[in-house]
N, C-alpha and C. Protein backbone atom coordinates (compact mmCIF):
# COMPACT_ATOMS: atom_id res chain seq x y z
N UNK A 1 146.64 21.43 -28.21
CA UNK A 1 147.45 22.27 -27.56
C UNK A 1 148.88 22.08 -28.33
N UNK A 2 149.49 23.07 -28.56
CA UNK A 2 150.98 23.40 -28.68
C UNK A 2 151.78 22.62 -27.54
N UNK A 3 153.65 22.97 -27.69
CA UNK A 3 154.05 22.66 -26.48
C UNK A 3 154.67 23.33 -26.02
N UNK A 4 154.60 24.46 -26.15
CA UNK A 4 155.02 25.95 -25.71
C UNK A 4 153.67 27.14 -25.38
N UNK A 5 153.79 27.93 -24.71
CA UNK A 5 153.08 28.98 -24.56
C UNK A 5 153.71 30.42 -23.90
N UNK A 6 153.29 31.43 -24.44
CA UNK A 6 153.79 32.45 -24.09
C UNK A 6 153.47 32.35 -22.15
N UNK A 7 154.80 32.84 -21.49
CA UNK A 7 154.17 32.73 -20.18
C UNK A 7 153.02 33.96 -19.32
N UNK A 8 153.00 35.02 -20.26
CA UNK A 8 151.84 36.26 -20.01
C UNK A 8 150.31 35.34 -20.55
N UNK A 9 150.45 34.92 -21.70
CA UNK A 9 149.46 34.21 -21.82
C UNK A 9 148.77 33.26 -20.88
N UNK A 10 150.24 32.43 -20.94
CA UNK A 10 149.50 31.21 -19.57
C UNK A 10 148.92 31.84 -18.34
N UNK A 11 149.88 32.51 -17.86
CA UNK A 11 149.35 33.51 -16.35
C UNK A 11 148.04 34.00 -16.55
N UNK A 12 147.73 34.61 -17.47
CA UNK A 12 146.30 35.09 -17.77
C UNK A 12 144.94 34.48 -18.11
N UNK A 13 145.53 33.01 -18.83
CA UNK A 13 144.10 31.98 -19.45
C UNK A 13 144.05 31.09 -17.87
N UNK A 14 144.92 31.40 -16.98
CA UNK A 14 144.46 30.52 -15.81
C UNK A 14 144.53 31.10 -14.40
N UNK A 15 143.90 32.68 -14.99
CA UNK A 15 143.47 33.60 -14.17
C UNK A 15 144.41 33.98 -12.97
N UNK A 16 145.73 33.74 -13.11
CA UNK A 16 146.88 33.98 -11.58
C UNK A 16 146.54 35.86 -12.33
N UNK A 17 146.34 36.51 -13.43
CA UNK A 17 146.13 38.16 -13.58
C UNK A 17 144.80 38.05 -14.48
N UNK A 18 144.54 39.40 -13.94
CA UNK A 18 142.99 39.56 -14.15
C UNK A 18 143.43 40.13 -16.20
N UNK A 19 144.51 40.71 -16.50
CA UNK A 19 144.57 41.07 -17.67
C UNK A 19 145.54 40.70 -18.14
N UNK A 20 145.53 40.83 -19.52
CA UNK A 20 147.07 40.28 -20.39
C UNK A 20 148.02 41.16 -20.12
N UNK A 21 147.45 42.39 -20.07
CA UNK A 21 148.72 43.21 -20.38
C UNK A 21 148.77 43.67 -18.95
N UNK A 22 148.28 42.68 -17.94
CA UNK A 22 149.13 43.29 -16.37
C UNK A 22 149.83 42.13 -16.28
N UNK A 23 149.43 41.00 -16.57
CA UNK A 23 150.20 39.61 -17.11
C UNK A 23 151.82 39.90 -17.72
N UNK A 24 151.97 40.76 -18.34
CA UNK A 24 153.20 41.58 -19.19
C UNK A 24 153.93 42.61 -17.94
N UNK A 25 153.11 43.25 -17.83
CA UNK A 25 154.09 44.10 -16.73
C UNK A 25 154.37 43.60 -15.81
N UNK A 26 153.33 42.61 -14.88
CA UNK A 26 154.09 41.69 -13.90
C UNK A 26 155.57 41.25 -14.61
N UNK A 27 155.76 40.66 -15.93
CA UNK A 27 157.35 39.79 -15.95
C UNK A 27 158.12 41.23 -15.96
N UNK A 28 157.49 41.89 -16.81
CA UNK A 28 158.56 43.35 -16.79
C UNK A 28 159.19 44.15 -15.50
N UNK A 29 157.84 43.95 -14.56
CA UNK A 29 158.53 44.52 -13.34
C UNK A 29 159.21 43.54 -12.54
N UNK A 30 159.25 41.81 -13.27
CA UNK A 30 160.26 41.21 -12.53
C UNK A 30 159.22 40.23 -10.94
N UNK A 31 158.22 40.23 -11.25
CA UNK A 31 156.92 39.75 -10.50
C UNK A 31 156.37 38.62 -11.19
N UNK A 32 156.75 37.98 -12.21
CA UNK A 32 156.93 36.73 -12.45
C UNK A 32 157.88 35.84 -12.48
N UNK A 33 158.24 34.61 -12.16
CA UNK A 33 159.55 33.66 -11.94
C UNK A 33 159.18 32.79 -12.69
N UNK A 34 159.95 32.17 -14.05
CA UNK A 34 159.96 31.29 -14.25
C UNK A 34 161.11 30.24 -13.89
N UNK A 35 160.63 29.14 -12.91
CA UNK A 35 161.61 28.45 -12.48
C UNK A 35 162.95 29.04 -12.10
N UNK A 36 162.59 30.18 -11.06
CA UNK A 36 163.20 30.69 -9.96
C UNK A 36 163.90 32.01 -10.84
N UNK A 37 163.97 32.03 -12.00
CA UNK A 37 164.69 32.97 -12.61
C UNK A 37 163.54 34.51 -13.40
N UNK A 38 163.76 35.23 -13.41
CA UNK A 38 162.82 36.54 -13.40
C UNK A 38 162.69 36.71 -15.60
N UNK A 39 161.63 36.80 -16.30
CA UNK A 39 161.87 36.32 -17.48
C UNK A 39 160.90 37.46 -18.11
N UNK A 40 161.37 37.70 -19.35
CA UNK A 40 160.25 38.30 -20.29
C UNK A 40 159.39 37.84 -20.59
N UNK A 41 157.73 38.33 -21.18
CA UNK A 41 156.60 38.47 -20.93
C UNK A 41 156.17 37.24 -22.58
N UNK A 42 157.60 36.84 -23.25
CA UNK A 42 157.80 36.46 -24.29
C UNK A 42 158.08 34.60 -24.13
N UNK A 43 158.50 34.96 -22.97
CA UNK A 43 159.26 33.47 -22.04
C UNK A 43 158.39 32.36 -22.83
N UNK A 44 158.57 31.06 -23.11
CA UNK A 44 158.03 30.01 -23.25
C UNK A 44 157.43 29.28 -21.95
N UNK A 45 156.68 29.02 -22.03
CA UNK A 45 156.60 27.99 -20.54
C UNK A 45 155.52 26.36 -21.47
N UNK A 46 156.55 25.47 -20.91
CA UNK A 46 156.04 24.14 -20.86
C UNK A 46 155.51 23.60 -19.28
N UNK A 47 154.71 22.12 -20.17
CA UNK A 47 154.00 21.29 -18.99
C UNK A 47 155.59 21.43 -18.02
N UNK A 48 155.67 21.36 -16.71
CA UNK A 48 156.46 21.10 -15.39
C UNK A 48 157.22 21.87 -15.42
N UNK A 49 157.05 22.88 -15.75
CA UNK A 49 157.71 24.64 -15.04
C UNK A 49 156.91 24.45 -14.12
N UNK A 50 157.82 25.98 -13.21
CA UNK A 50 157.28 26.21 -11.85
C UNK A 50 157.25 27.78 -11.99
N UNK A 51 156.14 28.29 -11.79
CA UNK A 51 156.01 29.61 -11.56
C UNK A 51 155.21 30.22 -10.81
N UNK A 52 156.13 31.51 -10.15
CA UNK A 52 156.06 32.17 -8.92
C UNK A 52 155.21 33.35 -9.49
N UNK A 53 154.40 34.02 -8.79
CA UNK A 53 153.56 35.22 -9.41
C UNK A 53 153.42 36.02 -8.35
N UNK A 54 153.71 37.11 -8.15
CA UNK A 54 153.57 38.42 -6.88
C UNK A 54 152.48 39.30 -7.33
N UNK A 55 151.42 38.75 -7.26
CA UNK A 55 149.72 39.45 -7.46
C UNK A 55 149.41 40.34 -6.69
N UNK A 56 148.58 41.16 -6.26
CA UNK A 56 147.55 42.04 -5.11
C UNK A 56 148.07 41.58 -3.82
N UNK A 57 150.16 41.76 -3.59
CA UNK A 57 150.24 41.51 -1.84
C UNK A 57 150.39 40.46 -1.74
N UNK A 58 150.34 39.64 -2.95
CA UNK A 58 150.13 37.61 -2.50
C UNK A 58 151.08 37.06 -3.36
N UNK A 59 151.82 35.96 -2.81
CA UNK A 59 152.68 34.85 -3.53
C UNK A 59 152.09 33.42 -4.15
N UNK A 60 151.80 33.32 -5.38
CA UNK A 60 151.25 32.37 -6.06
C UNK A 60 152.49 31.35 -6.39
N UNK A 61 152.51 30.20 -6.11
CA UNK A 61 153.35 29.29 -6.14
C UNK A 61 152.78 28.12 -7.23
N UNK A 62 153.45 28.00 -8.49
CA UNK A 62 152.25 26.72 -9.32
C UNK A 62 153.17 26.05 -10.14
N UNK A 63 152.56 24.66 -10.54
CA UNK A 63 153.43 24.18 -11.08
C UNK A 63 152.48 23.68 -12.72
N UNK A 64 152.92 23.81 -13.74
CA UNK A 64 152.23 23.77 -15.49
C UNK A 64 152.00 22.43 -15.67
N UNK A 65 150.78 22.14 -15.51
CA UNK A 65 149.96 20.55 -15.78
C UNK A 65 149.54 20.77 -17.10
N UNK A 66 148.88 21.74 -17.32
CA UNK A 66 148.39 21.91 -19.44
C UNK A 66 148.71 23.16 -19.42
N UNK A 67 149.02 23.30 -20.59
CA UNK A 67 149.25 24.29 -21.88
C UNK A 67 147.83 25.31 -22.16
N UNK A 68 147.34 26.36 -21.94
CA UNK A 68 146.34 27.05 -22.83
C UNK A 68 146.52 28.23 -23.26
N UNK A 69 146.08 28.71 -24.02
CA UNK A 69 145.94 30.25 -24.75
C UNK A 69 144.82 30.90 -24.72
N UNK A 70 143.59 30.03 -24.27
CA UNK A 70 142.36 31.20 -24.17
C UNK A 70 141.68 31.13 -22.76
N UNK A 71 141.79 32.25 -21.92
CA UNK A 71 140.81 32.08 -21.10
C UNK A 71 139.83 31.52 -20.68
N UNK A 72 139.77 30.50 -19.58
CA UNK A 72 138.41 29.33 -19.86
C UNK A 72 138.09 29.76 -18.06
N UNK A 73 137.37 29.26 -18.04
CA UNK A 73 136.30 29.32 -16.64
C UNK A 73 137.67 28.97 -15.43
N UNK A 74 137.04 29.41 -14.31
CA UNK A 74 137.93 29.53 -12.96
C UNK A 74 138.05 27.92 -12.18
N UNK A 75 136.74 26.80 -12.70
CA UNK A 75 137.13 25.44 -12.47
C UNK A 75 138.37 24.70 -13.48
N UNK A 76 138.04 25.18 -14.46
CA UNK A 76 138.94 24.53 -15.63
C UNK A 76 140.55 25.03 -15.72
N UNK A 77 140.65 26.29 -15.15
CA UNK A 77 141.58 26.82 -14.81
C UNK A 77 142.60 26.04 -14.37
N UNK A 78 142.18 25.91 -12.39
CA UNK A 78 142.60 24.98 -12.06
C UNK A 78 143.19 23.96 -11.97
N UNK A 79 142.64 23.60 -13.19
CA UNK A 79 143.17 21.96 -13.68
C UNK A 79 144.37 22.07 -14.41
N UNK A 80 144.85 23.38 -14.60
CA UNK A 80 145.89 23.55 -15.62
C UNK A 80 147.18 23.70 -14.82
N UNK A 81 146.75 23.33 -13.46
CA UNK A 81 148.15 23.75 -12.48
C UNK A 81 148.07 23.06 -11.47
N UNK A 82 149.36 22.89 -10.80
CA UNK A 82 149.16 22.02 -9.23
C UNK A 82 149.50 23.68 -8.51
N UNK A 83 148.71 23.74 -7.83
CA UNK A 83 149.07 24.86 -6.47
C UNK A 83 149.88 24.51 -5.36
N UNK A 84 151.18 25.03 -5.24
CA UNK A 84 152.40 25.00 -4.06
C UNK A 84 152.77 26.28 -3.18
N UNK A 85 151.51 26.78 -3.26
CA UNK A 85 151.87 28.54 -2.39
C UNK A 85 152.13 28.43 -0.82
N UNK A 86 152.12 28.94 -0.71
CA UNK A 86 152.35 29.02 0.93
C UNK A 86 150.92 29.36 1.59
N UNK A 87 150.67 29.13 2.62
CA UNK A 87 148.95 29.00 3.01
C UNK A 87 149.08 30.53 4.33
N UNK A 88 148.04 31.10 3.35
CA UNK A 88 148.48 32.81 4.03
C UNK A 88 148.33 32.89 5.84
N UNK A 89 149.08 33.72 6.29
CA UNK A 89 148.89 33.32 7.51
C UNK A 89 147.76 33.69 8.02
N UNK A 90 147.73 32.88 9.85
CA UNK A 90 146.49 33.06 10.67
C UNK A 90 145.75 34.71 10.66
N UNK A 91 144.80 34.35 11.22
CA UNK A 91 144.17 35.35 11.23
C UNK A 91 144.39 36.39 12.07
N UNK A 92 144.60 35.24 13.23
CA UNK A 92 145.40 35.52 15.34
C UNK A 92 146.62 37.07 14.62
N UNK A 93 147.32 36.61 13.76
CA UNK A 93 148.38 37.22 13.54
C UNK A 93 148.29 38.29 12.73
N UNK A 94 147.18 38.62 11.82
CA UNK A 94 146.93 39.68 11.01
C UNK A 94 146.31 40.74 12.27
N UNK A 95 145.23 40.35 12.72
CA UNK A 95 145.29 41.14 13.63
C UNK A 95 145.53 41.40 14.83
N UNK A 96 146.68 41.04 14.86
CA UNK A 96 147.71 41.26 16.06
C UNK A 96 148.90 42.35 15.65
N UNK A 97 148.60 42.57 13.82
CA UNK A 97 149.48 43.64 13.21
C UNK A 97 149.05 45.17 13.91
N UNK A 98 150.37 45.67 13.94
CA UNK A 98 149.47 47.62 14.10
C UNK A 98 149.02 47.81 12.81
N UNK A 99 148.09 49.07 13.55
CA UNK A 99 147.34 49.44 12.13
C UNK A 99 147.12 50.62 12.26
N UNK A 100 147.21 51.84 11.71
CA UNK A 100 147.07 53.00 11.49
C UNK A 100 145.60 53.86 11.12
N UNK A 101 144.95 54.51 11.47
CA UNK A 101 143.85 55.27 10.63
C UNK A 101 144.08 55.95 9.86
N UNK A 102 143.26 56.10 8.76
CA UNK A 102 143.56 56.40 7.68
C UNK A 102 143.53 57.78 7.65
N UNK A 103 144.81 58.44 6.85
CA UNK A 103 145.18 59.58 6.93
C UNK A 103 145.80 60.34 8.16
N UNK A 104 146.41 59.30 9.22
CA UNK A 104 146.82 59.64 10.18
C UNK A 104 148.19 60.27 10.12
N UNK A 105 149.03 60.33 8.89
CA UNK A 105 150.26 60.72 8.41
C UNK A 105 151.46 59.43 8.57
N UNK A 106 152.90 60.10 8.32
CA UNK A 106 153.90 58.92 8.62
C UNK A 106 153.84 58.39 9.87
N UNK A 107 153.86 56.47 10.17
CA UNK A 107 154.32 56.48 11.58
C UNK A 107 155.66 57.36 12.13
N UNK A 108 155.54 57.36 13.44
CA UNK A 108 156.75 58.37 13.79
C UNK A 108 158.03 57.29 14.01
N UNK A 109 159.14 57.46 14.47
CA UNK A 109 160.01 56.42 14.38
C UNK A 109 160.10 55.76 15.65
N UNK A 110 159.16 55.97 16.67
CA UNK A 110 158.73 55.12 17.94
C UNK A 110 158.28 53.90 17.05
N UNK A 111 156.96 54.31 16.75
CA UNK A 111 155.91 53.36 16.04
C UNK A 111 157.01 53.01 15.17
N UNK A 112 157.43 52.78 14.04
CA UNK A 112 158.31 52.23 13.00
C UNK A 112 159.34 51.05 13.84
N UNK A 113 159.88 51.55 15.08
CA UNK A 113 160.32 50.74 15.88
C UNK A 113 160.18 49.73 16.58
N UNK A 114 158.42 50.09 16.86
CA UNK A 114 157.41 48.59 17.26
C UNK A 114 156.91 47.86 16.25
N UNK A 115 156.81 48.15 15.32
CA UNK A 115 156.54 47.50 14.09
C UNK A 115 157.58 46.54 13.42
N UNK A 116 158.65 47.08 13.66
CA UNK A 116 159.91 46.36 13.25
C UNK A 116 160.30 45.40 14.04
N UNK A 117 159.82 45.61 15.69
CA UNK A 117 160.01 44.38 16.63
C UNK A 117 159.02 43.75 16.41
N UNK A 118 158.03 43.60 16.48
CA UNK A 118 156.56 42.64 16.05
C UNK A 118 156.88 41.97 14.35
N UNK A 119 157.52 42.55 13.57
CA UNK A 119 157.54 41.61 12.03
C UNK A 119 158.64 41.18 12.36
N UNK A 120 159.86 40.64 13.47
CA UNK A 120 160.97 40.49 13.89
C UNK A 120 162.03 41.18 12.83
N UNK A 121 161.87 42.04 12.14
CA UNK A 121 163.07 43.04 11.03
C UNK A 121 164.03 43.25 12.39
N UNK A 122 165.48 43.09 11.83
CA UNK A 122 166.63 43.66 12.68
C UNK A 122 166.59 45.48 12.55
N UNK A 123 167.15 45.41 13.79
CA UNK A 123 167.70 47.03 13.76
C UNK A 123 168.66 47.30 13.11
N UNK A 124 168.97 48.52 12.88
CA UNK A 124 170.71 48.42 12.12
C UNK A 124 171.12 49.18 13.15
C-alpha cells in the first residue's frame, strides 16, 4: 500500500460513508474533520491520523491504522481503524424525549420551551 490515501476514498473504503460521492460531499460540507480541521476531499490521510465523521446524525471518531483505497468487507474495514466514538445515549433518555406525531405541524412556543428545558439548553 502507499503511504497516503485521499480522505474521501479512505472514508468510503472503510464503510463510514455509503458512497464515495457522499464522502466527498460530507468533506465539502465540513462533516469530515482530519485531526480537528475541516478538509477538502483530496486531503491525504496517513497512519495515525484522527478522523471525525458526522453521518446519519451520528458522530464517529476513528484513528487510522491501515490505508486502503478499495472498498472491503465490514470485518476487514474494522481492522483499518480504531474506533474512539462516544457511546450512544441510553434508550431511557431517548424514550423520555418528547415526540410529535408526524404531520402535527410546527411546535408551539410552549412545546419548544419544554424541549429546550429537557435538553438542557439555555433560554435567551
